[in-house]
Structures are given as C-alpha cells and as structure tokens.
Amino acid sequence: EKNFMIELLHFHQGDCPTYIKKQIISLMRQEWPQAFGDNDEDIHWPDSLETQPTSLVFVENDIVISHAAIPWKYINHEGQKYKAFGLSEVVTNPSLRKQGFGLRLIKEAYSFIEKNNPDISIFTCEHALVHFYAKGGWEHKQNINLIGGTRNKPFRSDSLGLCTMIKLISATAQTNLFSFEETEVYLELGEQRLW
C-alpha cells in the first residue's frame, strides 16, 4: 500500500509554490485547452484573487495528483446576504485517474467549506459530472441558474449548458430554502466570469 506518501496541501492561491503552480497550469491547459488560446504563455493564475481562492492539492513526491480551487464571496440573494463558496478548477492528472483521488479531494473541499462558516456552496458543472459532485455532498438543482458576469452583462450558466450544484449549509440558508427554488443566483464576479 503506497498511499502513505500522498500529502494533502492547502494554501491561498496567491501563496502557491511555483513548482506546484506550474503543474496546476499544465493540467488545466490539458483539460481546458480552449481557455488558453494558442499561445504558449502561462495564463495569469490565479486570476481571481478577489474571491480569495484556496487550493487543495493531492501531491506525491512533489507531483500534483489532483487539484481543486475553493473561491468564496458574499452574495445578496432575495434580500439576504450569504457567504457563498464555489468549487472550480477540479482536475486530476490524466495518468492517475480512475483511482478515486478526485472524489477524495472534493470531499476534502466539502469539509474545508463546512469549517469556514459558509451559508451556501454553489457552482456549476458539466452534466456528465453531476453524479460525481453529488457523491461529494452537493445536490443538483435543475431550476437554479447561476449568473456570473455582472448584473448588466450577465454570464448565465444555462446559456453555457451547465448544471448547478448547491448545498444550503447554514441555518439561515436552510430556513430560506424556498428562495433557492426556481431562481437565479447572482455572483457578480466581473464580465465573463463564473467563479
């Protein structure tokens, strides 16, 4: 059993060690080439420090196995302020897939969120990944749209064909359960941004 060598690191993305940062960017480039364009320059990562993203990373012998980013911000929804956590940049090294690392990592992300006084956790994913994130603790809500961008230039999850995953965690959020039915949740992250 060689699992004992795997470490779970976590840090604010702004403090990410360079050797890990390079590997994360490389994995993201393989997974989402369309986000990188044609140039070979490294993208500006992290690109959204205002959401104070924390990275969780499984590493073995300095090699990144899996990565997940946990951004957060306060949002206003139906007259109520919530501390909302997202989940993004979830990727596993292609040579190490199908071994359960991704699921272990999103479960770690879920417990990290729970420890940080959240009201809700909400993010979007491809339809094929709904089952995966449901195993991590979130629920798929078909009638919730996550709206990124700005109020004037909304960037809608439904227009991107994405599914919304949510978990109402605090007593306040659970009490206001009905305000999260058939609704639009605005993140107001800046143009073209969805976590």
N, C-alpha and C. Protein backbone atom coordinates (compact mmCIF):
# COMPACT_ATOMS: atom_id res chain seq x y z
N GLU A 1 0.86 -1.20 0.00
CA GLU A 1 0.00 0.00 0.00
C GLU A 1 0.89 1.24 0.00
N LYS A 2 0.91 1.97 -1.11
CA LYS A 2 1.84 3.10 -1.20
C LYS A 2 1.17 4.44 -0.94
N ASN A 3 -0.09 4.42 -0.46
CA ASN A 3 -0.83 5.67 -0.27
C ASN A 3 -0.24 6.58 0.79
N PHE A 4 0.60 6.02 1.65
CA PHE A 4 1.10 6.81 2.78
C PHE A 4 1.92 8.01 2.33
N MET A 5 2.38 8.02 1.07
CA MET A 5 3.23 9.11 0.63
C MET A 5 2.44 10.30 0.09
N ILE A 6 1.13 10.11 -0.05
CA ILE A 6 0.33 11.19 -0.63
C ILE A 6 0.01 12.23 0.44
N GLU A 7 0.28 13.47 0.10
CA GLU A 7 0.00 14.57 1.04
C GLU A 7 -1.14 15.41 0.50
N LEU A 8 -1.92 15.99 1.41
CA LEU A 8 -2.92 16.98 1.02
C LEU A 8 -2.39 18.34 1.43
N LEU A 9 -2.14 19.20 0.45
CA LEU A 9 -1.67 20.55 0.73
C LEU A 9 -2.85 21.51 0.56
N HIS A 10 -2.84 22.56 1.35
CA HIS A 10 -3.80 23.61 1.03
C HIS A 10 -3.20 24.97 1.35
N PHE A 11 -3.50 25.91 0.47
CA PHE A 11 -2.92 27.26 0.59
C PHE A 11 -3.78 28.22 -0.20
N HIS A 12 -3.67 29.50 0.17
CA HIS A 12 -4.29 30.54 -0.66
C HIS A 12 -3.57 30.54 -2.00
N GLN A 13 -4.32 30.67 -3.08
CA GLN A 13 -3.69 30.55 -4.39
C GLN A 13 -2.56 31.55 -4.59
N GLY A 14 -2.68 32.72 -4.00
CA GLY A 14 -1.61 33.71 -4.12
C GLY A 14 -0.30 33.24 -3.53
N ASP A 15 -0.36 32.24 -2.62
CA ASP A 15 0.84 31.72 -1.96
C ASP A 15 1.29 30.38 -2.53
N CYS A 16 0.76 30.02 -3.68
CA CYS A 16 1.06 28.70 -4.25
C CYS A 16 2.54 28.59 -4.60
N PRO A 17 3.22 27.54 -4.13
CA PRO A 17 4.63 27.34 -4.50
C PRO A 17 4.76 27.20 -6.03
N THR A 18 5.83 27.75 -6.57
CA THR A 18 6.00 27.81 -8.03
C THR A 18 5.95 26.43 -8.68
N TYR A 19 6.60 25.43 -8.07
CA TYR A 19 6.65 24.11 -8.73
C TYR A 19 5.26 23.48 -8.81
N ILE A 20 4.40 23.82 -7.86
CA ILE A 20 3.02 23.31 -7.90
C ILE A 20 2.19 24.12 -8.89
N LYS A 21 2.38 25.43 -8.86
CA LYS A 21 1.65 26.32 -9.77
C LYS A 21 1.85 25.89 -11.23
N LYS A 22 3.11 25.62 -11.60
CA LYS A 22 3.41 25.22 -12.98
C LYS A 22 2.66 23.95 -13.36
N GLN A 23 2.61 23.00 -12.42
CA GLN A 23 1.92 21.74 -12.71
C GLN A 23 0.41 21.93 -12.81
N ILE A 24 -0.15 22.77 -11.94
CA ILE A 24 -1.60 23.02 -11.98
C ILE A 24 -1.96 23.66 -13.33
N ILE A 25 -1.18 24.65 -13.75
CA ILE A 25 -1.45 25.33 -15.02
C ILE A 25 -1.33 24.33 -16.17
N SER A 26 -0.35 23.46 -16.10
CA SER A 26 -0.16 22.46 -17.16
C SER A 26 -1.35 21.49 -17.22
N LEU A 27 -1.85 21.05 -16.05
CA LEU A 27 -3.01 20.16 -16.03
C LEU A 27 -4.25 20.87 -16.57
N MET A 28 -4.42 22.15 -16.20
CA MET A 28 -5.58 22.89 -16.68
C MET A 28 -5.49 23.11 -18.19
N ARG A 29 -4.29 23.31 -18.69
CA ARG A 29 -4.09 23.51 -20.13
C ARG A 29 -4.51 22.24 -20.90
N GLN A 30 -4.17 21.06 -20.32
CA GLN A 30 -4.57 19.81 -20.96
C GLN A 30 -6.08 19.61 -20.91
N GLU A 31 -6.67 19.98 -19.77
CA GLU A 31 -8.10 19.72 -19.55
C GLU A 31 -8.99 20.71 -20.29
N TRP A 32 -8.59 21.99 -20.30
CA TRP A 32 -9.42 23.04 -20.89
C TRP A 32 -8.60 23.86 -21.89
N PRO A 33 -8.14 23.23 -22.97
CA PRO A 33 -7.27 23.95 -23.92
C PRO A 33 -7.94 25.21 -24.47
N GLN A 34 -9.28 25.17 -24.59
CA GLN A 34 -9.99 26.33 -25.16
C GLN A 34 -9.85 27.58 -24.30
N ALA A 35 -9.54 27.40 -23.02
CA ALA A 35 -9.40 28.56 -22.13
C ALA A 35 -8.04 29.23 -22.29
N PHE A 36 -7.14 28.57 -23.00
CA PHE A 36 -5.77 29.07 -23.08
C PHE A 36 -5.44 29.76 -24.39
N GLY A 37 -6.24 29.53 -25.42
CA GLY A 37 -5.89 30.10 -26.71
C GLY A 37 -4.69 29.38 -27.30
N ASP A 38 -4.06 30.00 -28.27
CA ASP A 38 -2.99 29.31 -28.99
C ASP A 38 -1.61 29.57 -28.42
N ASN A 39 -1.49 30.64 -27.65
CA ASN A 39 -0.13 30.96 -27.21
C ASN A 39 0.35 30.01 -26.14
N ASP A 40 1.64 29.92 -26.00
CA ASP A 40 2.21 29.00 -25.03
C ASP A 40 2.51 29.67 -23.70
N GLU A 41 2.19 30.93 -23.62
CA GLU A 41 2.46 31.62 -22.36
C GLU A 41 1.57 31.07 -21.26
N ASP A 42 2.10 31.07 -20.06
CA ASP A 42 1.26 30.65 -18.93
C ASP A 42 0.18 31.69 -18.73
N ILE A 43 -1.02 31.19 -18.44
CA ILE A 43 -2.09 32.13 -18.15
C ILE A 43 -1.80 32.81 -16.82
N HIS A 44 -2.52 33.88 -16.60
CA HIS A 44 -2.40 34.59 -15.33
C HIS A 44 -3.18 33.78 -14.30
N TRP A 45 -2.49 33.06 -13.46
CA TRP A 45 -3.15 32.22 -12.45
C TRP A 45 -2.45 32.45 -11.13
N PRO A 46 -3.16 32.66 -10.05
CA PRO A 46 -4.63 32.71 -10.01
C PRO A 46 -5.15 34.00 -10.66
N ASP A 47 -6.35 33.90 -11.25
CA ASP A 47 -6.87 35.05 -11.98
C ASP A 47 -7.97 35.78 -11.24
N SER A 48 -8.28 35.34 -10.03
CA SER A 48 -9.41 35.95 -9.33
C SER A 48 -9.16 36.03 -7.83
N LEU A 49 -8.09 36.73 -7.46
CA LEU A 49 -7.74 36.78 -6.04
C LEU A 49 -8.80 37.46 -5.19
N GLU A 50 -9.70 38.24 -5.84
CA GLU A 50 -10.73 38.89 -5.03
C GLU A 50 -11.71 37.88 -4.42
N THR A 51 -11.76 36.65 -4.96
CA THR A 51 -12.60 35.63 -4.33
C THR A 51 -11.77 34.75 -3.38
N GLN A 52 -10.57 35.20 -3.09
CA GLN A 52 -9.69 34.55 -2.10
C GLN A 52 -9.65 33.04 -2.22
N PRO A 53 -9.41 32.52 -3.45
CA PRO A 53 -9.48 31.07 -3.61
C PRO A 53 -8.40 30.33 -2.83
N THR A 54 -8.83 29.23 -2.22
CA THR A 54 -7.92 28.30 -1.59
C THR A 54 -7.75 27.12 -2.53
N SER A 55 -6.53 26.66 -2.70
CA SER A 55 -6.30 25.45 -3.49
C SER A 55 -6.09 24.27 -2.55
N LEU A 56 -6.75 23.17 -2.86
CA LEU A 56 -6.46 21.90 -2.21
C LEU A 56 -5.77 21.04 -3.26
N VAL A 57 -4.66 20.42 -2.87
CA VAL A 57 -3.87 19.66 -3.85
C VAL A 57 -3.39 18.35 -3.21
N PHE A 58 -3.66 17.25 -3.89
CA PHE A 58 -3.03 15.98 -3.52
C PHE A 58 -1.70 15.91 -4.26
N VAL A 59 -0.63 15.66 -3.52
CA VAL A 59 0.72 15.63 -4.08
C VAL A 59 1.41 14.36 -3.61
N GLU A 60 2.16 13.76 -4.51
CA GLU A 60 3.02 12.64 -4.11
C GLU A 60 4.39 12.88 -4.69
N ASN A 61 5.40 12.92 -3.82
CA ASN A 61 6.79 13.19 -4.27
C ASN A 61 6.86 14.41 -5.18
N ASP A 62 6.22 15.50 -4.76
CA ASP A 62 6.23 16.77 -5.50
C ASP A 62 5.46 16.73 -6.83
N ILE A 63 4.78 15.64 -7.11
CA ILE A 63 3.96 15.56 -8.33
C ILE A 63 2.51 15.80 -7.96
N VAL A 64 1.86 16.74 -8.67
CA VAL A 64 0.46 17.03 -8.40
C VAL A 64 -0.42 15.90 -8.96
N ILE A 65 -1.25 15.33 -8.07
CA ILE A 65 -2.19 14.28 -8.48
C ILE A 65 -3.53 14.91 -8.85
N SER A 66 -4.09 15.69 -7.91
CA SER A 66 -5.39 16.33 -8.13
C SER A 66 -5.37 17.73 -7.54
N HIS A 67 -6.18 18.61 -8.13
CA HIS A 67 -6.28 19.99 -7.66
C HIS A 67 -7.73 20.43 -7.67
N ALA A 68 -8.10 21.22 -6.67
CA ALA A 68 -9.42 21.87 -6.66
C ALA A 68 -9.26 23.26 -6.05
N ALA A 69 -9.99 24.22 -6.62
CA ALA A 69 -9.98 25.58 -6.08
C ALA A 69 -11.31 25.86 -5.39
N ILE A 70 -11.23 26.56 -4.25
CA ILE A 70 -12.43 26.91 -3.50
C ILE A 70 -12.47 28.42 -3.35
N PRO A 71 -13.20 29.11 -4.26
CA PRO A 71 -13.36 30.56 -4.11
C PRO A 71 -14.55 30.85 -3.20
N TRP A 72 -14.60 32.07 -2.67
CA TRP A 72 -15.80 32.45 -1.91
C TRP A 72 -16.01 33.95 -1.99
N LYS A 73 -17.24 34.36 -1.75
CA LYS A 73 -17.56 35.78 -1.62
C LYS A 73 -18.93 35.91 -0.96
N TYR A 74 -19.22 37.12 -0.50
CA TYR A 74 -20.56 37.39 0.00
C TYR A 74 -21.44 37.73 -1.19
N ILE A 75 -22.63 37.15 -1.23
CA ILE A 75 -23.57 37.48 -2.30
C ILE A 75 -24.88 37.94 -1.66
N ASN A 76 -25.66 38.66 -2.43
CA ASN A 76 -27.00 39.02 -1.99
C ASN A 76 -28.00 38.26 -2.84
N HIS A 77 -28.92 37.60 -2.15
CA HIS A 77 -29.93 36.82 -2.87
C HIS A 77 -31.28 37.04 -2.20
N GLU A 78 -32.22 37.59 -2.97
CA GLU A 78 -33.57 37.84 -2.46
C GLU A 78 -33.54 38.60 -1.13
N GLY A 79 -32.71 39.63 -1.09
CA GLY A 79 -32.67 40.49 0.10
C GLY A 79 -31.89 39.96 1.28
N GLN A 80 -31.20 38.85 1.10
CA GLN A 80 -30.44 38.24 2.20
C GLN A 80 -28.98 38.12 1.78
N LYS A 81 -28.09 38.38 2.72
CA LYS A 81 -26.65 38.25 2.43
C LYS A 81 -26.18 36.85 2.83
N TYR A 82 -25.42 36.22 1.94
CA TYR A 82 -24.91 34.88 2.20
C TYR A 82 -23.41 34.81 1.94
N LYS A 83 -22.74 34.01 2.76
CA LYS A 83 -21.35 33.69 2.48
C LYS A 83 -21.36 32.44 1.59
N ALA A 84 -21.00 32.64 0.32
CA ALA A 84 -21.12 31.57 -0.68
C ALA A 84 -19.74 31.06 -1.10
N PHE A 85 -19.62 29.75 -1.13
CA PHE A 85 -18.38 29.10 -1.57
C PHE A 85 -18.62 28.38 -2.88
N GLY A 86 -17.65 28.47 -3.77
CA GLY A 86 -17.74 27.74 -5.03
C GLY A 86 -16.78 26.57 -5.05
N LEU A 87 -16.66 25.97 -6.20
CA LEU A 87 -15.68 24.91 -6.43
C LEU A 87 -15.31 25.03 -7.90
N SER A 88 -14.04 25.10 -8.21
CA SER A 88 -13.64 25.23 -9.61
C SER A 88 -12.26 24.63 -9.82
N GLU A 89 -11.84 24.59 -11.08
CA GLU A 89 -10.50 24.10 -11.43
C GLU A 89 -10.24 22.69 -10.90
N VAL A 90 -11.29 21.86 -10.86
CA VAL A 90 -11.11 20.49 -10.35
C VAL A 90 -10.52 19.65 -11.48
N VAL A 91 -9.33 19.14 -11.23
CA VAL A 91 -8.64 18.37 -12.28
C VAL A 91 -7.72 17.33 -11.63
N THR A 92 -7.65 16.17 -12.27
CA THR A 92 -6.74 15.10 -11.82
C THR A 92 -5.78 14.78 -12.96
N ASN A 93 -4.54 14.55 -12.59
CA ASN A 93 -3.50 14.16 -13.54
C ASN A 93 -4.01 12.98 -14.39
N PRO A 94 -4.02 13.12 -15.73
CA PRO A 94 -4.60 12.07 -16.58
C PRO A 94 -4.04 10.68 -16.32
N SER A 95 -2.77 10.59 -15.96
CA SER A 95 -2.18 9.26 -15.75
C SER A 95 -2.59 8.64 -14.41
N LEU A 96 -3.29 9.41 -13.58
CA LEU A 96 -3.66 8.91 -12.24
C LEU A 96 -5.17 8.90 -12.02
N ARG A 97 -5.92 8.94 -13.11
CA ARG A 97 -7.38 8.96 -12.97
C ARG A 97 -7.94 7.58 -12.67
N LYS A 98 -9.23 7.57 -12.31
CA LYS A 98 -9.97 6.33 -12.02
C LYS A 98 -9.41 5.62 -10.78
N GLN A 99 -8.79 6.38 -9.89
CA GLN A 99 -8.28 5.78 -8.65
C GLN A 99 -8.94 6.40 -7.41
N GLY A 100 -9.90 7.29 -7.64
CA GLY A 100 -10.63 7.86 -6.52
C GLY A 100 -10.05 9.14 -5.94
N PHE A 101 -8.96 9.64 -6.52
CA PHE A 101 -8.35 10.86 -5.96
C PHE A 101 -9.28 12.07 -6.08
N GLY A 102 -9.92 12.21 -7.23
CA GLY A 102 -10.80 13.36 -7.44
C GLY A 102 -11.94 13.38 -6.43
N LEU A 103 -12.56 12.22 -6.20
CA LEU A 103 -13.66 12.15 -5.24
C LEU A 103 -13.16 12.45 -3.82
N ARG A 104 -12.02 11.87 -3.46
CA ARG A 104 -11.45 12.17 -2.13
C ARG A 104 -11.21 13.67 -1.99
N LEU A 105 -10.72 14.29 -3.07
CA LEU A 105 -10.38 15.70 -3.00
C LEU A 105 -11.63 16.58 -2.86
N ILE A 106 -12.70 16.27 -3.61
CA ILE A 106 -13.89 17.12 -3.47
C ILE A 106 -14.56 16.91 -2.12
N LYS A 107 -14.41 15.72 -1.54
CA LYS A 107 -14.91 15.52 -0.16
C LYS A 107 -14.10 16.35 0.83
N GLU A 108 -12.79 16.42 0.60
CA GLU A 108 -11.95 17.30 1.43
C GLU A 108 -12.38 18.76 1.25
N ALA A 109 -12.69 19.13 0.01
CA ALA A 109 -13.13 20.50 -0.27
C ALA A 109 -14.43 20.80 0.47
N TYR A 110 -15.33 19.82 0.47
CA TYR A 110 -16.60 20.00 1.16
C TYR A 110 -16.38 20.22 2.66
N SER A 111 -15.49 19.42 3.26
CA SER A 111 -15.27 19.62 4.70
C SER A 111 -14.53 20.92 4.98
N PHE A 112 -13.65 21.34 4.06
CA PHE A 112 -12.99 22.64 4.22
C PHE A 112 -14.05 23.76 4.22
N ILE A 113 -14.98 23.68 3.29
CA ILE A 113 -16.05 24.69 3.21
C ILE A 113 -16.86 24.70 4.51
N GLU A 114 -17.23 23.52 4.98
CA GLU A 114 -18.04 23.43 6.21
C GLU A 114 -17.36 24.09 7.41
N LYS A 115 -16.02 24.07 7.43
CA LYS A 115 -15.29 24.61 8.58
C LYS A 115 -15.13 26.13 8.50
N ASN A 116 -15.58 26.75 7.40
CA ASN A 116 -15.33 28.18 7.22
C ASN A 116 -16.59 29.04 7.23
N ASN A 117 -17.51 28.68 8.11
CA ASN A 117 -18.74 29.45 8.33
C ASN A 117 -19.50 29.78 7.05
N PRO A 118 -19.77 28.76 6.23
CA PRO A 118 -20.48 29.03 4.97
C PRO A 118 -21.97 29.17 5.22
N ASP A 119 -22.64 29.86 4.33
CA ASP A 119 -24.09 29.76 4.26
C ASP A 119 -24.47 28.75 3.19
N ILE A 120 -23.87 28.94 2.02
CA ILE A 120 -24.16 28.02 0.92
C ILE A 120 -22.88 27.68 0.17
N SER A 121 -22.95 26.58 -0.57
CA SER A 121 -21.92 26.29 -1.56
C SER A 121 -22.66 26.08 -2.87
N ILE A 122 -22.20 26.75 -3.93
CA ILE A 122 -22.89 26.68 -5.21
C ILE A 122 -21.87 26.82 -6.34
N PHE A 123 -22.04 26.01 -7.37
CA PHE A 123 -21.15 26.08 -8.53
C PHE A 123 -21.82 25.34 -9.68
N THR A 124 -21.21 25.38 -10.83
CA THR A 124 -21.76 24.68 -11.99
C THR A 124 -20.80 23.61 -12.46
N CYS A 125 -21.36 22.65 -13.19
CA CYS A 125 -20.52 21.60 -13.78
C CYS A 125 -21.18 21.08 -15.05
N GLU A 126 -20.42 20.34 -15.81
CA GLU A 126 -20.97 19.66 -16.99
C GLU A 126 -21.96 18.59 -16.51
N HIS A 127 -22.95 18.31 -17.37
CA HIS A 127 -23.98 17.34 -16.99
C HIS A 127 -23.37 15.99 -16.61
N ALA A 128 -22.34 15.59 -17.32
CA ALA A 128 -21.71 14.28 -17.07
C ALA A 128 -21.09 14.17 -15.67
N LEU A 129 -20.86 15.33 -15.02
CA LEU A 129 -20.19 15.31 -13.70
C LEU A 129 -21.14 15.48 -12.52
N VAL A 130 -22.43 15.60 -12.80
CA VAL A 130 -23.40 15.80 -11.71
C VAL A 130 -23.30 14.69 -10.68
N HIS A 131 -23.23 13.44 -11.14
CA HIS A 131 -23.20 12.29 -10.23
C HIS A 131 -21.94 12.33 -9.35
N PHE A 132 -20.82 12.70 -9.96
CA PHE A 132 -19.54 12.81 -9.24
C PHE A 132 -19.65 13.82 -8.09
N TYR A 133 -20.16 15.03 -8.38
CA TYR A 133 -20.25 16.05 -7.33
C TYR A 133 -21.33 15.72 -6.30
N ALA A 134 -22.36 15.00 -6.73
CA ALA A 134 -23.40 14.57 -5.77
C ALA A 134 -22.78 13.63 -4.74
N LYS A 135 -21.82 12.80 -5.16
CA LYS A 135 -21.14 11.91 -4.21
C LYS A 135 -20.30 12.72 -3.22
N GLY A 136 -19.90 13.92 -3.63
CA GLY A 136 -19.07 14.76 -2.75
C GLY A 136 -19.89 15.53 -1.72
N GLY A 137 -21.21 15.58 -1.89
CA GLY A 137 -22.05 16.25 -0.88
C GLY A 137 -22.99 17.31 -1.40
N TRP A 138 -22.90 17.65 -2.70
CA TRP A 138 -23.77 18.70 -3.24
C TRP A 138 -25.00 18.09 -3.90
N GLU A 139 -25.99 18.93 -4.15
CA GLU A 139 -27.21 18.46 -4.82
C GLU A 139 -27.38 19.20 -6.13
N HIS A 140 -27.88 18.48 -7.13
CA HIS A 140 -28.16 19.09 -8.42
C HIS A 140 -29.56 19.71 -8.38
N LYS A 141 -29.64 21.01 -8.68
CA LYS A 141 -30.94 21.68 -8.73
C LYS A 141 -31.17 22.15 -10.16
N GLN A 142 -32.15 21.57 -10.81
CA GLN A 142 -32.39 21.88 -12.21
C GLN A 142 -32.96 23.28 -12.42
N ASN A 143 -33.59 23.81 -11.38
CA ASN A 143 -34.29 25.08 -11.58
C ASN A 143 -33.55 26.28 -11.02
N ILE A 144 -32.25 26.12 -10.77
CA ILE A 144 -31.45 27.26 -10.31
C ILE A 144 -30.45 27.62 -11.40
N ASN A 145 -30.41 28.89 -11.73
CA ASN A 145 -29.40 29.39 -12.65
C ASN A 145 -28.35 30.17 -11.89
N LEU A 146 -27.11 29.85 -12.12
CA LEU A 146 -26.02 30.61 -11.52
C LEU A 146 -25.61 31.67 -12.53
N ILE A 147 -25.65 32.92 -12.12
CA ILE A 147 -25.36 34.03 -13.03
C ILE A 147 -24.05 34.68 -12.63
N GLY A 148 -23.06 34.52 -13.49
CA GLY A 148 -21.79 35.19 -13.27
C GLY A 148 -21.81 36.53 -13.98
N GLY A 149 -20.63 37.00 -14.39
CA GLY A 149 -20.56 38.28 -15.07
C GLY A 149 -20.99 39.41 -14.15
N THR A 150 -21.74 40.34 -14.70
CA THR A 150 -22.24 41.47 -13.90
C THR A 150 -23.76 41.54 -14.09
N ARG A 151 -24.41 42.36 -13.28
CA ARG A 151 -25.88 42.50 -13.44
C ARG A 151 -26.22 43.01 -14.84
N ASN A 152 -25.38 43.92 -15.36
CA ASN A 152 -25.63 44.49 -16.68
C ASN A 152 -25.24 43.55 -17.82
N LYS A 153 -24.20 42.76 -17.57
CA LYS A 153 -23.74 41.81 -18.59
C LYS A 153 -23.68 40.42 -17.97
N PRO A 154 -24.84 39.81 -17.77
CA PRO A 154 -24.86 38.51 -17.09
C PRO A 154 -24.21 37.41 -17.92
N PHE A 155 -23.61 36.47 -17.22
CA PHE A 155 -22.94 35.33 -17.83
C PHE A 155 -23.65 34.11 -17.23
N ARG A 156 -24.62 33.58 -17.97
CA ARG A 156 -25.58 32.64 -17.40
C ARG A 156 -25.14 31.18 -17.55
N SER A 157 -25.31 30.42 -16.47
CA SER A 157 -24.92 29.00 -16.54
C SER A 157 -25.79 28.23 -17.53
N ASP A 158 -27.08 28.59 -17.64
CA ASP A 158 -27.93 27.83 -18.56
C ASP A 158 -27.54 28.06 -20.02
N SER A 159 -27.05 29.27 -20.32
CA SER A 159 -26.64 29.55 -21.70
C SER A 159 -25.37 28.78 -22.05
N LEU A 160 -24.65 28.31 -21.03
CA LEU A 160 -23.43 27.53 -21.26
C LEU A 160 -23.71 26.03 -21.19
N GLY A 161 -24.98 25.68 -20.96
CA GLY A 161 -25.34 24.26 -20.87
C GLY A 161 -24.83 23.58 -19.62
N LEU A 162 -24.64 24.36 -18.56
CA LEU A 162 -24.08 23.80 -17.31
C LEU A 162 -25.17 23.50 -16.29
N CYS A 163 -24.87 22.58 -15.41
CA CYS A 163 -25.79 22.21 -14.32
C CYS A 163 -25.35 22.90 -13.04
N THR A 164 -26.31 23.29 -12.21
CA THR A 164 -26.00 23.96 -10.94
C THR A 164 -26.03 22.95 -9.80
N MET A 165 -24.94 22.92 -9.03
CA MET A 165 -24.84 22.10 -7.82
C MET A 165 -24.87 23.05 -6.63
N ILE A 166 -25.63 22.67 -5.60
CA ILE A 166 -25.77 23.57 -4.46
C ILE A 166 -25.88 22.78 -3.17
N LYS A 167 -25.47 23.39 -2.07
CA LYS A 167 -25.73 22.84 -0.74
C LYS A 167 -26.04 24.02 0.17
N LEU A 168 -27.20 23.98 0.79
CA LEU A 168 -27.57 25.01 1.77
C LEU A 168 -27.07 24.51 3.12
N ILE A 169 -26.13 25.24 3.70
CA ILE A 169 -25.42 24.71 4.86
C ILE A 169 -25.86 25.38 6.16
N SER A 170 -25.91 26.71 6.20
CA SER A 170 -26.23 27.39 7.46
C SER A 170 -27.73 27.31 7.75
N ALA A 171 -28.07 27.56 9.01
CA ALA A 171 -29.48 27.59 9.40
C ALA A 171 -30.24 28.65 8.61
N THR A 172 -29.60 29.80 8.39
CA THR A 172 -30.24 30.87 7.63
C THR A 172 -30.58 30.40 6.22
N ALA A 173 -29.63 29.77 5.57
CA ALA A 173 -29.86 29.30 4.20
C ALA A 173 -30.95 28.24 4.17
N GLN A 174 -30.92 27.33 5.15
CA GLN A 174 -31.91 26.26 5.17
C GLN A 174 -33.31 26.81 5.45
N THR A 175 -33.37 27.84 6.32
CA THR A 175 -34.66 28.47 6.61
C THR A 175 -35.23 29.12 5.35
N ASN A 176 -34.34 29.65 4.50
CA ASN A 176 -34.76 30.33 3.28
C ASN A 176 -34.74 29.42 2.06
N LEU A 177 -34.89 28.13 2.33
CA LEU A 177 -34.86 27.12 1.29
C LEU A 177 -35.67 27.52 0.05
N PHE A 178 -36.87 28.07 0.28
CA PHE A 178 -37.76 28.35 -0.85
C PHE A 178 -37.22 29.46 -1.75
N SER A 179 -36.37 30.32 -1.20
CA SER A 179 -35.82 31.37 -2.06
C SER A 179 -34.79 30.80 -3.04
N PHE A 180 -34.43 29.52 -2.84
CA PHE A 180 -33.49 28.87 -3.76
C PHE A 180 -34.20 27.89 -4.69
N GLU A 181 -35.51 28.04 -4.82
CA GLU A 181 -36.26 27.24 -5.79
C GLU A 181 -36.56 28.11 -6.99
N GLU A 182 -36.37 27.57 -8.18
CA GLU A 182 -36.68 28.29 -9.43
C GLU A 182 -36.22 29.73 -9.37
N THR A 183 -34.93 29.89 -9.30
CA THR A 183 -34.39 31.23 -9.07
C THR A 183 -33.10 31.43 -9.85
N GLU A 184 -32.62 32.65 -9.78
CA GLU A 184 -31.33 32.99 -10.35
C GLU A 184 -30.46 33.51 -9.22
N VAL A 185 -29.26 32.98 -9.11
CA VAL A 185 -28.34 33.40 -8.06
C VAL A 185 -27.21 34.17 -8.73
N TYR A 186 -27.08 35.44 -8.37
CA TYR A 186 -26.08 36.31 -8.98
C TYR A 186 -24.79 36.31 -8.16
N LEU A 187 -23.68 36.01 -8.83
CA LEU A 187 -22.38 36.05 -8.16
C LEU A 187 -21.71 37.41 -8.32
N GLU A 188 -22.01 38.10 -9.41
CA GLU A 188 -21.40 39.42 -9.68
C GLU A 188 -19.87 39.39 -9.54
N LEU A 189 -19.26 38.61 -10.41
CA LEU A 189 -17.81 38.40 -10.34
C LEU A 189 -17.01 39.25 -11.33
N GLY A 190 -17.71 39.95 -12.21
CA GLY A 190 -16.99 40.66 -13.28
C GLY A 190 -17.32 40.01 -14.62
N GLU A 191 -17.14 40.77 -15.68
CA GLU A 191 -17.55 40.30 -17.00
C GLU A 191 -16.97 38.94 -17.37
N GLN A 192 -17.84 38.13 -17.96
CA GLN A 192 -17.45 36.80 -18.47
C GLN A 192 -16.95 35.85 -17.38
N ARG A 193 -17.30 36.11 -16.13
CA ARG A 193 -16.73 35.28 -15.06
C ARG A 193 -17.82 34.47 -14.39
N LEU A 194 -17.53 33.20 -14.17
CA LEU A 194 -18.41 32.30 -13.42
C LEU A 194 -17.50 31.52 -12.49
N TRP A 195 -17.30 32.03 -11.29
CA TRP A 195 -16.28 31.52 -10.37
C TRP A 195 -14.95 31.44 -11.12
